[in-house]
């Protein structure tokens, strides 16, 4: 599959994608130095005010970090959770 290796301070795993993914110190978030994040509104395609896992797959970086960014574990990213993800990986 892809051309990348993802590495975290707490675990390592092979993954599909581009670039080398490394961990930040924020709750197991992994990110690529070249990762770009779409706006929250671009991901929230049904405009319900949250990004679901299904919507998140439109962004490799968001999909790879979804569970770590979902602070309350409800399976959705709120605007605040998304902003926290972007600010800790940018």
PDB file of N, CA and C in Angstrom:
ATOM      1  N   UNK A   1       0.833  -1.154   0.000  1.00  0.00           N
ATOM      2  CA  UNK A   1       0.000   0.000   0.000  1.00  0.00           C
ATOM      3  C   UNK A   1       0.887   1.227   0.000  1.00  0.00           C
ATOM      4  N   UNK A   2       0.691   2.253   0.730  1.00  0.00           N
ATOM      5  CA  UNK A   2       1.282   3.580   0.548  1.00  0.00           C
ATOM      6  C   UNK A   2       2.775   3.704   0.733  1.00  0.00           C
ATOM      7  N   UNK A   3       3.221   4.926   0.729  1.00  0.00           N
ATOM      8  CA  UNK A   3       4.635   5.234   0.804  1.00  0.00           C
ATOM      9  C   UNK A   3       4.972   5.910   2.114  1.00  0.00           C
ATOM     10  N   UNK A   4       4.488   5.460   3.219  1.00  0.00           N
ATOM     11  CA  UNK A   4       4.773   6.189   4.440  1.00  0.00           C
ATOM     12  C   UNK A   4       4.930   5.293   5.637  1.00  0.00           C
ATOM     13  N   UNK A   5       5.558   5.819   6.653  1.00  0.00           N
ATOM     14  CA  UNK A   5       5.664   5.151   7.941  1.00  0.00           C
ATOM     15  C   UNK A   5       5.164   6.139   8.973  1.00  0.00           C
ATOM     16  N   UNK A   6       4.307   5.697   9.840  1.00  0.00           N
ATOM     17  CA  UNK A   6       3.789   6.549  10.893  1.00  0.00           C
ATOM     18  C   UNK A   6       4.482   6.143  12.187  1.00  0.00           C
ATOM     19  N   UNK A   7       4.921   7.107  12.978  1.00  0.00           N
ATOM     20  CA  UNK A   7       5.633   6.806  14.213  1.00  0.00           C
ATOM     21  C   UNK A   7       5.067   7.675  15.326  1.00  0.00           C
ATOM     22  N   UNK A   8       4.843   7.085  16.461  1.00  0.00           N
ATOM     23  CA  UNK A   8       4.363   7.822  17.625  1.00  0.00           C
ATOM     24  C   UNK A   8       5.269   7.503  18.800  1.00  0.00           C
ATOM     25  N   UNK A   9       5.296   8.390  19.782  1.00  0.00           N
ATOM     26  CA  UNK A   9       6.122   8.130  20.955  1.00  0.00           C
ATOM     27  C   UNK A   9       5.612   6.942  21.755  1.00  0.00           C
ATOM     28  N   UNK A  10       4.329   6.628  21.640  1.00  0.00           N
ATOM     29  CA  UNK A  10       3.796   5.528  22.424  1.00  0.00           C
ATOM     30  C   UNK A  10       3.583   4.246  21.627  1.00  0.00           C
ATOM     31  N   UNK A  11       3.588   4.320  20.314  1.00  0.00           N
ATOM     32  CA  UNK A  11       3.416   3.135  19.504  1.00  0.00           C
ATOM     33  C   UNK A  11       3.911   3.407  18.096  1.00  0.00           C
ATOM     34  N   UNK A  12       4.168   2.348  17.359  1.00  0.00           N
ATOM     35  CA  UNK A  12       4.588   2.478  15.972  1.00  0.00           C
ATOM     36  C   UNK A  12       3.741   1.550  15.130  1.00  0.00           C
ATOM     37  N   UNK A  13       3.433   1.975  13.928  1.00  0.00           N
ATOM     38  CA  UNK A  13       2.696   1.108  13.029  1.00  0.00           C
ATOM     39  C   UNK A  13       2.930   1.561  11.600  1.00  0.00           C
ATOM     40  N   UNK A  14       2.836   0.622  10.683  1.00  0.00           N
ATOM     41  CA  UNK A  14       2.962   0.964   9.270  1.00  0.00           C
ATOM     42  C   UNK A  14       1.618   1.483   8.803  1.00  0.00           C
ATOM     43  N   UNK A  15       1.653   2.420   7.907  1.00  0.00           N
ATOM     44  CA  UNK A  15       0.398   2.969   7.428  1.00  0.00           C
ATOM     45  C   UNK A  15       0.475   3.320   5.963  1.00  0.00           C
ATOM     46  N   UNK A  16      -0.669   3.495   5.379  1.00  0.00           N
ATOM     47  CA  UNK A  16      -0.748   3.898   3.987  1.00  0.00           C
ATOM     48  C   UNK A  16      -0.711   5.415   3.927  1.00  0.00           C
ATOM     49  N   UNK A  17      -0.038   5.939   2.969  1.00  0.00           N
ATOM     50  CA  UNK A  17      -0.063   7.384   2.813  1.00  0.00           C
ATOM     51  C   UNK A  17       1.240   7.928   2.299  1.00  0.00           C
ATOM     52  N   UNK A  18       1.348   9.223   2.350  1.00  0.00           N
ATOM     53  CA  UNK A  18       2.527   9.907   1.855  1.00  0.00           C
ATOM     54  C   UNK A  18       3.315  10.480   3.004  1.00  0.00           C
ATOM     55  N   UNK A  19       4.613  10.525   2.861  1.00  0.00           N
ATOM     56  CA  UNK A  19       5.455  11.192   3.839  1.00  0.00           C
ATOM     57  C   UNK A  19       5.749  10.332   5.042  1.00  0.00           C
ATOM     58  N   UNK A  20       6.486  10.897   5.957  1.00  0.00           N
ATOM     59  CA  UNK A  20       6.791  10.232   7.219  1.00  0.00           C
ATOM     60  C   UNK A  20       5.977  10.922   8.289  1.00  0.00           C
ATOM     61  N   UNK A  21       5.248  10.163   9.038  1.00  0.00           N
ATOM     62  CA  UNK A  21       4.382  10.701  10.076  1.00  0.00           C
ATOM     63  C   UNK A  21       5.072  10.541  11.422  1.00  0.00           C
ATOM     64  N   UNK A  22       5.114  11.597  12.215  1.00  0.00           N
ATOM     65  CA  UNK A  22       5.743  11.542  13.534  1.00  0.00           C
ATOM     66  C   UNK A  22       4.767  12.053  14.581  1.00  0.00           C
ATOM     67  N   UNK A  23       5.036  11.721  15.811  1.00  0.00           N
ATOM     68  CA  UNK A  23       4.126  12.102  16.884  1.00  0.00           C
ATOM     69  C   UNK A  23       4.435  13.493  17.409  1.00  0.00           C
ATOM     70  N   UNK A  24       3.388  14.206  17.779  1.00  0.00           N
ATOM     71  CA  UNK A  24       3.561  15.415  18.580  1.00  0.00           C
ATOM     72  C   UNK A  24       3.361  14.978  20.026  1.00  0.00           C
ATOM     73  N   UNK A  25       3.459  15.909  20.944  1.00  0.00           N
ATOM     74  CA  UNK A  25       3.265  15.548  22.348  1.00  0.00           C
ATOM     75  C   UNK A  25       1.809  15.669  22.765  1.00  0.00           C
ATOM     76  N   UNK A  26       0.907  15.885  21.834  1.00  0.00           N
ATOM     77  CA  UNK A  26      -0.497  16.119  22.147  1.00  0.00           C
ATOM     78  C   UNK A  26      -1.305  14.832  22.016  1.00  0.00           C
ATOM     79  N   UNK A  27      -1.540  14.145  23.088  1.00  0.00           N
ATOM     80  CA  UNK A  27      -2.481  13.031  23.179  1.00  0.00           C
ATOM     81  C   UNK A  27      -2.374  11.995  22.067  1.00  0.00           C
ATOM     82  N   UNK A  28      -1.171  11.632  21.669  1.00  0.00           N
ATOM     83  CA  UNK A  28      -1.023  10.598  20.668  1.00  0.00           C
ATOM     84  C   UNK A  28      -1.308  11.041  19.252  1.00  0.00           C
ATOM     85  N   UNK A  29      -1.404  12.334  19.004  1.00  0.00           N
ATOM     86  CA  UNK A  29      -1.647  12.836  17.655  1.00  0.00           C
ATOM     87  C   UNK A  29      -0.438  12.529  16.785  1.00  0.00           C
ATOM     88  N   UNK A  30      -0.686  12.032  15.598  1.00  0.00           N
ATOM     89  CA  UNK A  30       0.375  11.842  14.619  1.00  0.00           C
ATOM     90  C   UNK A  30       0.092  12.762  13.445  1.00  0.00           C
ATOM     91  N   UNK A  31       1.152  13.280  12.842  1.00  0.00           N
ATOM     92  CA  UNK A  31       0.950  14.214  11.749  1.00  0.00           C
ATOM     93  C   UNK A  31       2.137  14.187  10.817  1.00  0.00           C
ATOM     94  N   UNK A  32       1.912  14.655   9.624  1.00  0.00           N
ATOM     95  CA  UNK A  32       2.987  14.784   8.650  1.00  0.00           C
ATOM     96  C   UNK A  32       3.401  16.237   8.611  1.00  0.00           C
ATOM     97  N   UNK A  33       4.682  16.483   8.537  1.00  0.00           N
ATOM     98  CA  UNK A  33       5.165  17.841   8.435  1.00  0.00           C
ATOM     99  C   UNK A  33       4.550  18.562   7.247  1.00  0.00           C
ATOM    100  N   UNK A  34       4.221  17.820   6.208  1.00  0.00           N
ATOM    101  CA  UNK A  34       3.640  18.424   5.019  1.00  0.00           C
ATOM    102  C   UNK A  34       2.113  18.367   5.027  1.00  0.00           C
ATOM    103  N   UNK A  35       1.528  17.909   6.123  1.00  0.00           N
ATOM    104  CA  UNK A  35       0.071  17.759   6.184  1.00  0.00           C
ATOM    105  C   UNK A  35      -0.610  19.119   6.088  1.00  0.00           C
ATOM    106  N   UNK A  36      -1.676  19.144   5.352  1.00  0.00           N
ATOM    107  CA  UNK A  36      -2.523  20.324   5.312  1.00  0.00           C
ATOM    108  C   UNK A  36      -3.912  19.897   5.753  1.00  0.00           C
ATOM    109  N   UNK A  37      -4.574  20.791   6.436  1.00  0.00           N
ATOM    110  CA  UNK A  37      -5.892  20.501   6.966  1.00  0.00           C
ATOM    111  C   UNK A  37      -6.920  21.371   6.251  1.00  0.00           C
ATOM    112  N   UNK A  38      -7.969  20.764   5.724  1.00  0.00           N
ATOM    113  CA  UNK A  38      -9.053  21.563   5.149  1.00  0.00           C
ATOM    114  C   UNK A  38      -9.766  22.311   6.272  1.00  0.00           C
ATOM    115  N   UNK A  39     -10.580  23.263   5.908  1.00  0.00           N
ATOM    116  CA  UNK A  39     -11.346  23.959   6.942  1.00  0.00           C
ATOM    117  C   UNK A  39     -12.383  22.998   7.538  1.00  0.00           C
ATOM    118  N   UNK A  40     -12.814  23.307   8.732  1.00  0.00           N
ATOM    119  CA  UNK A  40     -13.843  22.515   9.397  1.00  0.00           C
ATOM    120  C   UNK A  40     -15.086  22.430   8.519  1.00  0.00           C
ATOM    121  N   UNK A  41     -15.496  23.561   7.948  1.00  0.00           N
ATOM    122  CA  UNK A  41     -16.700  23.592   7.114  1.00  0.00           C
ATOM    123  C   UNK A  41     -16.565  22.741   5.855  1.00  0.00           C
ATOM    124  N   UNK A  42     -15.346  22.648   5.309  1.00  0.00           N
ATOM    125  CA  UNK A  42     -15.139  21.791   4.136  1.00  0.00           C
ATOM    126  C   UNK A  42     -15.359  20.318   4.488  1.00  0.00           C
ATOM    127  N   UNK A  43     -14.952  19.922   5.682  1.00  0.00           N
ATOM    128  CA  UNK A  43     -15.134  18.528   6.100  1.00  0.00           C
ATOM    129  C   UNK A  43     -16.563  18.232   6.537  1.00  0.00           C
ATOM    130  N   UNK A  44     -17.208  19.199   7.148  1.00  0.00           N
ATOM    131  CA  UNK A  44     -18.572  19.007   7.659  1.00  0.00           C
ATOM    132  C   UNK A  44     -19.561  19.131   6.500  1.00  0.00           C
ATOM    133  N   UNK A  45     -19.562  18.116   5.641  1.00  0.00           N
ATOM    134  CA  UNK A  45     -20.333  18.193   4.396  1.00  0.00           C
ATOM    135  C   UNK A  45     -21.842  18.212   4.611  1.00  0.00           C
ATOM    136  N   UNK A  46     -22.332  17.636   5.699  1.00  0.00           N
ATOM    137  CA  UNK A  46     -23.776  17.674   5.942  1.00  0.00           C
ATOM    138  C   UNK A  46     -24.195  18.875   6.792  1.00  0.00           C
ATOM    139  N   UNK A  47     -23.212  19.705   7.136  1.00  0.00           N
ATOM    140  CA  UNK A  47     -23.466  20.961   7.861  1.00  0.00           C
ATOM    141  C   UNK A  47     -24.225  20.780   9.177  1.00  0.00           C
ATOM    142  N   UNK A  48     -23.873  19.695   9.908  1.00  0.00           N
ATOM    143  CA  UNK A  48     -24.530  19.478  11.200  1.00  0.00           C
ATOM    144  C   UNK A  48     -23.723  20.016  12.376  1.00  0.00           C
ATOM    145  N   UNK A  49     -22.601  20.678  12.092  1.00  0.00           N
ATOM    146  CA  UNK A  49     -21.796  21.264  13.153  1.00  0.00           C
ATOM    147  C   UNK A  49     -20.778  20.320  13.754  1.00  0.00           C
ATOM    148  N   UNK A  50     -20.593  19.155  13.156  1.00  0.00           N
ATOM    149  CA  UNK A  50     -19.616  18.177  13.637  1.00  0.00           C
ATOM    150  C   UNK A  50     -19.055  17.410  12.443  1.00  0.00           C
ATOM    151  N   UNK A  51     -17.832  16.908  12.605  1.00  0.00           N
ATOM    152  CA  UNK A  51     -17.207  16.091  11.565  1.00  0.00           C
ATOM    153  C   UNK A  51     -17.237  14.638  12.026  1.00  0.00           C
ATOM    154  N   UNK A  52     -17.910  13.797  11.259  1.00  0.00           N
ATOM    155  CA  UNK A  52     -17.975  12.367  11.571  1.00  0.00           C
ATOM    156  C   UNK A  52     -16.736  11.666  11.016  1.00  0.00           C
ATOM    157  N   UNK A  53     -16.545  10.412  11.412  1.00  0.00           N
ATOM    158  CA  UNK A  53     -15.437   9.637  10.871  1.00  0.00           C
ATOM    159  C   UNK A  53     -15.580   9.490   9.362  1.00  0.00           C
ATOM    160  N   UNK A  54     -16.785   9.339   8.892  1.00  0.00           N
ATOM    161  CA  UNK A  54     -17.013   9.213   7.452  1.00  0.00           C
ATOM    162  C   UNK A  54     -16.610  10.485   6.717  1.00  0.00           C
ATOM    163  N   UNK A  55     -16.926  11.630   7.290  1.00  0.00           N
ATOM    164  CA  UNK A  55     -16.540  12.904   6.681  1.00  0.00           C
ATOM    165  C   UNK A  55     -15.032  13.125   6.769  1.00  0.00           C
ATOM    166  N   UNK A  56     -14.429  12.653   7.856  1.00  0.00           N
ATOM    167  CA  UNK A  56     -12.997  12.875   8.088  1.00  0.00           C
ATOM    168  C   UNK A  56     -12.114  12.169   7.061  1.00  0.00           C
ATOM    169  N   UNK A  57     -12.603  11.115   6.434  1.00  0.00           N
ATOM    170  CA  UNK A  57     -11.752  10.386   5.487  1.00  0.00           C
ATOM    171  C   UNK A  57     -11.374  11.219   4.264  1.00  0.00           C
ATOM    172  N   UNK A  58     -12.016  12.361   4.078  1.00  0.00           N
ATOM    173  CA  UNK A  58     -11.644  13.261   2.990  1.00  0.00           C
ATOM    174  C   UNK A  58     -10.265  13.881   3.214  1.00  0.00           C
ATOM    175  N   UNK A  59      -9.762  13.814   4.442  1.00  0.00           N
ATOM    176  CA  UNK A  59      -8.438  14.342   4.784  1.00  0.00           C
ATOM    177  C   UNK A  59      -7.623  13.253   5.460  1.00  0.00           C
ATOM    178  N   UNK A  60      -6.529  12.881   4.835  1.00  0.00           N
ATOM    179  CA  UNK A  60      -5.657  11.846   5.392  1.00  0.00           C
ATOM    180  C   UNK A  60      -5.187  12.208   6.801  1.00  0.00           C
ATOM    181  N   UNK A  61      -4.813  13.460   6.994  1.00  0.00           N
ATOM    182  CA  UNK A  61      -4.299  13.891   8.296  1.00  0.00           C
ATOM    183  C   UNK A  61      -5.382  13.835   9.368  1.00  0.00           C
ATOM    184  N   UNK A  62      -6.590  14.245   9.037  1.00  0.00           N
ATOM    185  CA  UNK A  62      -7.680  14.214  10.020  1.00  0.00           C
ATOM    186  C   UNK A  62      -8.080  12.773  10.302  1.00  0.00           C
ATOM    187  N   UNK A  63      -8.204  11.967   9.276  1.00  0.00           N
ATOM    188  CA  UNK A  63      -8.593  10.566   9.466  1.00  0.00           C
ATOM    189  C   UNK A  63      -7.585   9.830  10.351  1.00  0.00           C
ATOM    190  N   UNK A  64      -6.295  10.083  10.134  1.00  0.00           N
ATOM    191  CA  UNK A  64      -5.253   9.405  10.913  1.00  0.00           C
ATOM    192  C   UNK A  64      -5.272   9.811  12.377  1.00  0.00           C
ATOM    193  N   UNK A  65      -5.802  10.983  12.671  1.00  0.00           N
ATOM    194  CA  UNK A  65      -5.786  11.517  14.036  1.00  0.00           C
ATOM    195  C   UNK A  65      -7.165  11.597  14.677  1.00  0.00           C
ATOM    196  N   UNK A  66      -8.162  11.060  14.002  1.00  0.00           N
ATOM    197  CA  UNK A  66      -9.548  11.249  14.445  1.00  0.00           C
ATOM    198  C   UNK A  66      -9.765  10.807  15.890  1.00  0.00           C
ATOM    199  N   UNK A  67      -9.402   9.599  16.225  1.00  0.00           N
ATOM    200  CA  UNK A  67      -9.680   9.075  17.572  1.00  0.00           C
ATOM    201  C   UNK A  67      -8.963   9.861  18.652  1.00  0.00           C
ATOM    202  N   UNK A  68      -7.732  10.260  18.390  1.00  0.00           N
ATOM    203  CA  UNK A  68      -6.993  11.050  19.384  1.00  0.00           C
ATOM    204  C   UNK A  68      -7.599  12.442  19.540  1.00  0.00           C
ATOM    205  N   UNK A  69      -8.115  13.004  18.459  1.00  0.00           N
ATOM    206  CA  UNK A  69      -8.685  14.352  18.504  1.00  0.00           C
ATOM    207  C   UNK A  69     -10.090  14.364  19.107  1.00  0.00           C
ATOM    208  N   UNK A  70     -10.787  13.244  19.071  1.00  0.00           N
ATOM    209  CA  UNK A  70     -12.151  13.148  19.596  1.00  0.00           C
ATOM    210  C   UNK A  70     -12.095  13.065  21.118  1.00  0.00           C
ATOM    211  N   UNK A  71     -11.919  14.208  21.750  1.00  0.00           N
ATOM    212  CA  UNK A  71     -11.652  14.271  23.192  1.00  0.00           C
ATOM    213  C   UNK A  71     -12.746  13.644  24.041  1.00  0.00           C
ATOM    214  N   UNK A  72     -13.996  13.781  23.637  1.00  0.00           N
ATOM    215  CA  UNK A  72     -15.078  13.228  24.452  1.00  0.00           C
ATOM    216  C   UNK A  72     -15.506  11.832  24.009  1.00  0.00           C
ATOM    217  N   UNK A  73     -14.875  11.302  22.958  1.00  0.00           N
ATOM    218  CA  UNK A  73     -15.125   9.932  22.530  1.00  0.00           C
ATOM    219  C   UNK A  73     -16.497   9.667  21.950  1.00  0.00           C
ATOM    220  N   UNK A  74     -17.158  10.712  21.440  1.00  0.00           N
ATOM    221  CA  UNK A  74     -18.513  10.511  20.919  1.00  0.00           C
ATOM    222  C   UNK A  74     -18.567  10.154  19.434  1.00  0.00           C
ATOM    223  N   UNK A  75     -17.404  10.008  18.806  1.00  0.00           N
ATOM    224  CA  UNK A  75     -17.380   9.639  17.396  1.00  0.00           C
ATOM    225  C   UNK A  75     -17.554  10.804  16.446  1.00  0.00           C
ATOM    226  N   UNK A  76     -17.519  12.020  16.983  1.00  0.00           N
ATOM    227  CA  UNK A  76     -17.642  13.230  16.184  1.00  0.00           C
ATOM    228  C   UNK A  76     -16.597  14.237  16.629  1.00  0.00           C
ATOM    229  N   UNK A  77     -16.113  15.041  15.695  1.00  0.00           N
ATOM    230  CA  UNK A  77     -15.229  16.142  16.064  1.00  0.00           C
ATOM    231  C   UNK A  77     -16.032  17.436  16.058  1.00  0.00           C
ATOM    232  N   UNK A  78     -16.027  18.107  17.190  1.00  0.00           N
ATOM    233  CA  UNK A  78     -16.641  19.429  17.264  1.00  0.00           C
ATOM    234  C   UNK A  78     -15.673  20.444  16.663  1.00  0.00           C
ATOM    235  N   UNK A  79     -16.140  21.655  16.472  1.00  0.00           N
ATOM    236  CA  UNK A  79     -15.258  22.710  15.982  1.00  0.00           C
ATOM    237  C   UNK A  79     -14.057  22.865  16.917  1.00  0.00           C
ATOM    238  N   UNK A  80     -14.290  22.837  18.233  1.00  0.00           N
ATOM    239  CA  UNK A  80     -13.193  23.001  19.198  1.00  0.00           C
ATOM    240  C   UNK A  80     -12.199  21.841  19.114  1.00  0.00           C
ATOM    241  N   UNK A  81     -12.688  20.610  19.041  1.00  0.00           N
ATOM    242  CA  UNK A  81     -11.783  19.457  18.927  1.00  0.00           C
ATOM    243  C   UNK A  81     -10.960  19.557  17.635  1.00  0.00           C
ATOM    244  N   UNK A  82     -11.601  19.972  16.555  1.00  0.00           N
ATOM    245  CA  UNK A  82     -10.891  20.119  15.278  1.00  0.00           C
ATOM    246  C   UNK A  82      -9.843  21.226  15.380  1.00  0.00           C
ATOM    247  N   UNK A  83     -10.213  22.360  15.965  1.00  0.00           N
ATOM    248  CA  UNK A  83      -9.264  23.462  16.132  1.00  0.00           C
ATOM    249  C   UNK A  83      -8.073  23.031  16.975  1.00  0.00           C
ATOM    250  N   UNK A  84      -8.334  22.263  18.035  1.00  0.00           N
ATOM    251  CA  UNK A  84      -7.245  21.752  18.874  1.00  0.00           C
ATOM    252  C   UNK A  84      -6.314  20.848  18.081  1.00  0.00           C
ATOM    253  N   UNK A  85      -6.870  19.987  17.263  1.00  0.00           N
ATOM    254  CA  UNK A  85      -6.057  19.106  16.417  1.00  0.00           C
ATOM    255  C   UNK A  85      -5.169  19.922  15.485  1.00  0.00           C
ATOM    256  N   UNK A  86      -5.756  20.849  14.782  1.00  0.00           N
ATOM    257  CA  UNK A  86      -5.001  21.654  13.824  1.00  0.00           C
ATOM    258  C   UNK A  86      -3.928  22.487  14.520  1.00  0.00           C
ATOM    259  N   UNK A  87      -4.244  23.082  15.654  1.00  0.00           N
ATOM    260  CA  UNK A  87      -3.273  23.940  16.342  1.00  0.00           C
ATOM    261  C   UNK A  87      -2.124  23.142  16.939  1.00  0.00           C
ATOM    262  N   UNK A  88      -2.354  21.881  17.292  1.00  0.00           N
ATOM    263  CA  UNK A  88      -1.293  21.062  17.868  1.00  0.00           C
ATOM    264  C   UNK A  88      -0.443  20.347  16.828  1.00  0.00           C
ATOM    265  N   UNK A  89      -0.850  20.384  15.602  1.00  0.00           N
ATOM    266  CA  UNK A  89      -0.080  19.705  14.554  1.00  0.00           C
ATOM    267  C   UNK A  89       0.456  20.669  13.526  1.00  0.00           C
ATOM    268  N   UNK A  90       0.088  21.909  13.602  1.00  0.00           N
ATOM    269  CA  UNK A  90       0.524  22.885  12.615  1.00  0.00           C
ATOM    270  C   UNK A  90       1.789  23.504  12.965  1.00  0.00           C
TER     271      UNK A  90
END
